[in-house]
Amino acid sequence: LSDRMNRKHFLRILSAALLPALLSACAAQRPELYAMRNGGSHQPFYFTDRYGELAFREFYDWAGQFVGDRAVVERDGKWGYIDRSGETVVPFRYDWAGSFGQYGFDEEVAMVKTGTDRDRIPLYTPCPTALIDRDGERITPVYGFMTPIVGGVSFVNDGRKFHGVGRDLLASDGKWGCVDRRGRLVVACEYELAYPLFDRFAFVRKDGKWGVLDRRGRLIVPCRYDAGYYRAGIYVLDTLFDTQDTPPTDGANPAVRGEFEEGRIYMIADGCAEAFDMKGRKIGK
């Protein structure tokens, strides 16, 4: 019995040691394929191996490079995904689709859209948007808008009616929240407006009052202020200026007069300003 147990223990150790090597060998045998196109923008895309030989006789209006065993491709205005044999594994049913792992998301996740406006950049077109897995299964609700990952999260809006562009994109029927790199909802869609500043923080408004989320989507300044202001070099967020039909004049807005220091988050209530650092700690005026 002891000998059998020792042999089983040895085999478990041997399997644990060999498995990574076997997986690596299998990965090494996977052919390297490349999306190619000859000539101008009207020429079709195709895939070749590392020696330039045609991998399979399928041609596309547009094609992305393989990420693992999936490549996004377009044909006749619809987007889908193929595997390394050229077989369609996610049907051509989207009006736009991104590569797996693109825009900061996990490599098992891809962004897809329906109803895009061809006169606008698809990524920034408000329309039904979701994340899918490698089998084409939707792993998020259908949102009306989704940003690339900003810091640690993507800002999503569950509405369908939008106006404006850029950070002034407004939804008349939806609210803003956040998902993580795998599409998991980490901030409920409860904010009327969200002004993210790259990977630093975001001003958010709830019930008419402003607060601050950190780069991971955590509320670090509660939503109880009339406005927020931040300046760092050429980047300026001024919610009072941006959201009023008639922006305040220089005399009415201390931020415009240069009274606020660069690199601090300022929250304004009843005409008084409080300063915070990037962790939401109050540091005075």
Protein backbone atom coordinates (compact mmCIF):
# COMPACT_ATOMS: atom_id res chain seq x y z
CA LEU A 1 0.00 0.00 0.00
CA SER A 2 2.82 2.37 0.86
CA ASP A 3 4.53 1.67 -2.48
CA ARG A 4 1.29 2.32 -4.39
CA MET A 5 0.78 5.61 -2.53
CA ASN A 6 4.36 6.64 -3.28
CA ARG A 7 3.88 5.82 -6.97
CA LYS A 8 0.63 7.83 -7.09
CA HIS A 9 2.33 10.71 -5.34
CA PHE A 10 5.24 10.53 -7.81
CA LEU A 11 2.85 10.47 -10.79
CA ARG A 12 1.00 13.53 -9.47
CA ILE A 13 4.29 15.40 -9.13
CA LEU A 14 5.41 14.28 -12.58
CA SER A 15 2.09 15.36 -14.13
CA ALA A 16 2.27 18.75 -12.47
CA ALA A 17 5.80 19.21 -13.81
CA LEU A 18 5.04 18.02 -17.35
CA LEU A 19 1.67 19.71 -17.90
CA PRO A 20 3.04 23.26 -18.40
CA ALA A 21 5.65 21.92 -20.83
CA LEU A 22 3.00 19.99 -22.79
CA LEU A 23 0.74 23.04 -22.96
CA SER A 24 3.67 25.15 -24.09
CA ALA A 25 4.52 22.62 -26.80
CA CYS A 26 0.92 22.63 -28.03
CA ALA A 27 0.94 26.41 -28.13
CA ALA A 28 4.20 26.36 -30.07
CA GLN A 29 2.59 24.11 -32.70
CA ARG A 30 -0.26 26.62 -33.22
CA PRO A 31 0.36 28.29 -36.59
CA GLU A 32 1.11 31.98 -36.67
CA LEU A 33 -1.39 33.69 -38.96
CA TYR A 34 -1.42 37.28 -40.16
CA ALA A 35 -4.15 39.48 -41.61
CA MET A 36 -2.90 40.96 -44.87
CA ARG A 37 -4.13 43.22 -47.66
CA ASN A 38 -2.51 44.07 -50.99
CA GLY A 39 -2.94 47.46 -52.57
CA GLY A 40 -5.42 50.16 -51.56
CA SER A 41 -8.29 50.36 -49.11
CA HIS A 42 -10.73 48.65 -51.48
CA GLN A 43 -8.71 45.42 -51.62
CA PRO A 44 -9.88 42.44 -49.51
CA PHE A 45 -8.16 41.12 -46.39
CA TYR A 46 -6.87 37.56 -46.18
CA PHE A 47 -4.75 35.49 -43.80
CA THR A 48 -1.29 34.05 -44.43
CA ASP A 49 1.10 31.91 -42.45
CA ARG A 50 4.54 33.14 -41.34
CA TYR A 51 5.96 32.39 -44.82
CA GLY A 52 3.34 34.44 -46.65
CA GLU A 53 1.39 31.43 -47.90
CA LEU A 54 -2.40 31.72 -48.03
CA ALA A 55 -3.77 30.07 -44.87
CA PHE A 56 -7.31 29.49 -46.17
CA ARG A 57 -9.32 30.74 -49.14
CA GLU A 58 -11.56 33.23 -47.33
CA PHE A 59 -11.53 36.97 -47.99
CA TYR A 60 -12.93 39.81 -45.90
CA ASP A 61 -13.72 43.51 -46.16
CA TRP A 62 -11.72 44.04 -42.97
CA ALA A 63 -9.81 41.77 -40.60
CA GLY A 64 -8.00 42.10 -37.30
CA GLN A 65 -5.01 40.09 -36.17
CA PHE A 66 -5.57 36.91 -34.20
CA VAL A 67 -5.77 37.19 -30.42
CA GLY A 68 -5.32 33.61 -29.28
CA ASP A 69 -7.64 31.55 -31.43
CA ARG A 70 -10.01 34.33 -32.52
CA ALA A 71 -9.84 37.10 -35.13
CA VAL A 72 -12.51 39.70 -35.77
CA VAL A 73 -13.54 40.06 -39.42
CA GLU A 74 -16.04 42.05 -41.47
CA ARG A 75 -17.95 40.93 -44.53
CA ASP A 76 -20.77 42.77 -46.34
CA GLY A 77 -21.12 45.29 -43.53
CA LYS A 78 -21.44 42.71 -40.73
CA TRP A 79 -18.83 41.64 -38.20
CA GLY A 80 -18.06 38.25 -36.66
CA TYR A 81 -15.14 36.08 -35.51
CA ILE A 82 -13.21 33.20 -37.05
CA ASP A 83 -10.85 30.57 -35.65
CA ARG A 84 -7.43 29.64 -37.02
CA SER A 85 -8.89 27.27 -39.59
CA GLY A 86 -10.98 30.06 -41.07
CA GLU A 87 -14.23 28.66 -39.67
CA THR A 88 -16.81 31.17 -38.49
CA VAL A 89 -17.21 30.66 -34.75
CA VAL A 90 -19.22 33.80 -33.96
CA PRO A 91 -21.71 34.63 -36.74
CA PHE A 92 -21.58 37.82 -38.81
CA ARG A 93 -24.36 39.57 -36.92
CA TYR A 94 -22.83 42.76 -35.51
CA ASP A 95 -22.62 46.22 -37.06
CA TRP A 96 -19.20 46.62 -35.46
CA ALA A 97 -16.94 44.48 -33.27
CA GLY A 98 -13.56 44.83 -31.59
CA SER A 99 -10.75 42.34 -31.10
CA PHE A 100 -10.60 40.29 -27.93
CA GLY A 101 -8.64 42.16 -25.28
CA GLN A 102 -8.94 45.47 -27.14
CA TYR A 103 -9.57 48.80 -25.37
CA GLY A 104 -8.17 47.55 -22.07
CA PHE A 105 -10.55 44.62 -21.61
CA ASP A 106 -9.51 41.07 -20.70
CA GLU A 107 -8.35 38.89 -23.60
CA GLU A 108 -11.39 36.65 -23.11
CA VAL A 109 -13.71 39.60 -23.75
CA ALA A 110 -14.66 41.61 -26.84
CA MET A 111 -16.92 44.62 -27.39
CA VAL A 112 -19.69 44.39 -30.01
CA LYS A 113 -22.26 46.89 -31.29
CA THR A 114 -25.47 46.96 -33.30
CA GLY A 115 -26.99 50.00 -34.96
CA THR A 116 -23.80 52.03 -35.37
CA ASP A 117 -23.71 55.27 -37.33
CA ARG A 118 -21.31 54.83 -40.25
CA ASP A 119 -20.53 58.56 -40.24
CA ARG A 120 -19.09 58.37 -36.71
CA ILE A 121 -16.26 56.42 -35.10
CA PRO A 122 -17.97 53.14 -34.13
CA LEU A 123 -16.31 52.87 -30.74
CA TYR A 124 -17.80 56.22 -29.68
CA THR A 125 -21.21 55.79 -31.30
CA PRO A 126 -24.06 55.55 -28.76
CA CYS A 127 -25.97 52.39 -29.70
CA PRO A 128 -26.69 48.93 -28.24
CA THR A 129 -23.30 47.74 -26.95
CA ALA A 130 -22.25 44.64 -25.02
CA LEU A 131 -19.30 42.39 -24.19
CA ILE A 132 -19.13 38.80 -25.41
CA ASP A 133 -16.94 35.79 -24.61
CA ARG A 134 -15.00 33.69 -27.14
CA ASP A 135 -18.06 31.59 -27.89
CA GLY A 136 -20.06 34.68 -28.78
CA GLU A 137 -22.16 34.52 -25.62
CA ARG A 138 -23.14 37.90 -24.22
CA ILE A 139 -21.66 38.37 -20.73
CA THR A 140 -23.07 41.83 -19.96
CA PRO A 141 -26.43 43.52 -20.33
CA VAL A 142 -26.89 45.54 -23.50
CA TYR A 143 -25.80 49.09 -22.70
CA GLY A 144 -26.37 52.23 -24.73
CA PHE A 145 -22.73 53.29 -24.45
CA MET A 146 -19.45 51.87 -23.16
CA THR A 147 -16.05 53.50 -22.87
CA PRO A 148 -12.66 51.83 -23.13
CA ILE A 149 -11.16 50.91 -19.76
CA VAL A 150 -10.26 54.12 -17.92
CA GLY A 151 -7.88 53.25 -15.09
CA GLY A 152 -9.47 50.05 -13.87
CA VAL A 153 -13.03 50.40 -15.17
CA SER A 154 -15.19 51.11 -18.21
CA PHE A 155 -18.01 53.62 -17.86
CA VAL A 156 -21.32 52.31 -19.18
CA ASN A 157 -24.75 53.86 -19.64
CA ASP A 158 -27.92 51.80 -19.65
CA GLY A 159 -29.89 54.34 -21.71
CA ARG A 160 -30.81 54.38 -25.38
CA LYS A 161 -31.38 58.07 -26.21
CA PHE A 162 -28.30 60.29 -26.35
CA HIS A 163 -27.29 63.74 -27.50
CA GLY A 164 -23.96 65.57 -27.44
CA VAL A 165 -20.48 64.21 -28.00
CA GLY A 166 -17.37 63.41 -25.98
CA ARG A 167 -17.62 63.97 -22.25
CA ASP A 168 -20.82 65.99 -22.86
CA LEU A 169 -22.59 62.83 -24.05
CA LEU A 170 -25.93 62.83 -22.22
CA ALA A 171 -28.57 60.14 -21.95
CA SER A 172 -32.15 61.23 -21.39
CA ASP A 173 -33.28 57.77 -20.33
CA GLY A 174 -30.26 56.13 -18.68
CA LYS A 175 -27.69 56.34 -15.90
CA TRP A 176 -23.91 55.79 -15.70
CA GLY A 177 -22.10 52.99 -13.89
CA CYS A 178 -18.88 50.96 -14.28
CA VAL A 179 -17.83 47.48 -15.35
CA ASP A 180 -14.40 45.91 -14.83
CA ARG A 181 -12.07 44.34 -17.41
CA ARG A 182 -14.18 41.16 -17.52
CA GLY A 183 -17.47 43.01 -17.85
CA ARG A 184 -18.60 42.57 -14.25
CA LEU A 185 -20.72 45.47 -12.94
CA VAL A 186 -18.72 47.10 -10.13
CA VAL A 187 -20.62 50.41 -9.92
CA ALA A 188 -24.39 50.36 -10.34
CA CYS A 189 -25.88 52.53 -13.09
CA GLU A 190 -27.12 55.27 -10.76
CA TYR A 191 -25.30 58.44 -11.84
CA GLU A 192 -26.84 61.10 -14.08
CA LEU A 193 -23.48 62.28 -15.41
CA ALA A 194 -19.93 60.91 -15.35
CA TYR A 195 -16.83 62.92 -16.30
CA PRO A 196 -13.83 60.54 -16.22
CA LEU A 197 -10.34 62.03 -16.42
CA PHE A 198 -8.26 59.26 -18.00
CA ASP A 199 -6.88 56.97 -15.27
CA ARG A 200 -7.12 59.45 -12.41
CA PHE A 201 -10.70 59.81 -11.20
CA ALA A 202 -14.20 60.76 -12.35
CA PHE A 203 -16.69 63.41 -11.30
CA VAL A 204 -20.16 61.86 -11.01
CA ARG A 205 -23.55 63.44 -10.37
CA LYS A 206 -26.43 61.85 -8.50
CA ASP A 207 -29.71 63.57 -7.65
CA GLY A 208 -28.20 66.86 -8.84
CA LYS A 209 -25.16 66.67 -6.55
CA TRP A 210 -21.53 65.91 -7.47
CA GLY A 211 -19.05 63.47 -5.97
CA VAL A 212 -15.87 61.64 -7.03
CA LEU A 213 -15.08 58.05 -8.01
CA ASP A 214 -11.48 56.86 -7.92
CA ARG A 215 -9.82 55.03 -10.83
CA ARG A 216 -11.31 51.72 -9.62
CA GLY A 217 -14.85 53.05 -9.40
CA ARG A 218 -14.97 53.52 -5.63
CA LEU A 219 -16.85 56.56 -4.29
CA ILE A 220 -14.20 58.57 -2.43
CA VAL A 221 -16.05 61.91 -2.19
CA PRO A 222 -19.80 61.67 -1.52
CA CYS A 223 -22.33 63.22 -3.90
CA ARG A 224 -23.29 66.30 -1.90
CA TYR A 225 -21.62 69.16 -3.78
CA ASP A 226 -22.90 71.71 -6.29
CA ALA A 227 -19.87 71.42 -8.61
CA GLY A 228 -16.37 69.99 -9.04
CA TYR A 229 -13.17 71.38 -10.53
CA TYR A 230 -9.79 69.92 -11.44
CA ARG A 231 -6.84 71.20 -13.50
CA ALA A 232 -3.57 69.50 -14.43
CA GLY A 233 -1.67 70.98 -17.36
CA ILE A 234 -3.97 71.11 -20.38
CA TYR A 235 -6.62 68.90 -18.71
CA VAL A 236 -9.47 70.79 -17.06
CA LEU A 237 -12.74 69.49 -15.65
CA ASP A 238 -15.14 72.17 -14.49
CA THR A 239 -18.63 70.76 -13.95
CA LEU A 240 -20.11 74.19 -13.18
CA PHE A 241 -18.87 75.57 -16.49
CA ASP A 242 -19.68 72.47 -18.55
CA THR A 243 -23.23 71.76 -17.42
CA GLN A 244 -24.83 75.22 -17.36
CA ASP A 245 -26.59 76.67 -20.39
CA THR A 246 -25.00 80.01 -19.49
CA PRO A 247 -21.50 79.36 -18.06
CA PRO A 248 -20.46 81.54 -15.10
CA THR A 249 -18.43 84.65 -15.79
CA ASP A 250 -14.85 85.11 -14.64
CA GLY A 251 -16.04 87.11 -11.65
CA ALA A 252 -18.48 84.43 -10.52
CA ASN A 253 -16.22 81.39 -10.79
CA PRO A 254 -13.11 81.27 -8.56
CA ALA A 255 -11.72 78.42 -10.70
CA VAL A 256 -11.59 80.71 -13.74
CA ARG A 257 -9.77 83.37 -11.70
CA GLY A 258 -7.01 80.86 -10.98
CA GLU A 259 -7.60 80.60 -7.23
CA PHE A 260 -7.52 76.79 -7.30
CA GLU A 261 -4.17 74.99 -7.22
CA GLU A 262 -3.24 72.57 -9.98
CA GLY A 263 -3.46 68.86 -9.22
CA ARG A 264 -6.09 69.09 -6.47
CA ILE A 265 -9.74 68.06 -6.69
CA TYR A 266 -12.03 70.89 -5.62
CA MET A 267 -15.64 70.37 -4.61
CA ILE A 268 -17.89 73.40 -4.26
CA ALA A 269 -21.00 73.73 -2.07
CA ASP A 270 -22.89 76.93 -1.23
CA GLY A 271 -20.09 78.98 -2.79
CA CYS A 272 -17.37 77.44 -0.61
CA ALA A 273 -14.67 75.10 -1.93
CA GLU A 274 -13.10 72.07 -0.29
CA ALA A 275 -9.90 70.47 -1.67
CA PHE A 276 -9.18 66.72 -1.85
CA ASP A 277 -6.31 64.53 -2.95
CA MET A 278 -6.65 61.58 -5.35
CA LYS A 279 -7.66 59.29 -2.48
CA GLY A 280 -10.50 61.55 -1.41
CA ARG A 281 -8.72 62.90 1.65
CA LYS A 282 -9.59 66.49 2.49
CA ILE A 283 -6.57 68.80 2.33
CA GLY A 284 -8.12 72.22 2.80
CA LYS A 285 -8.57 75.05 0.34
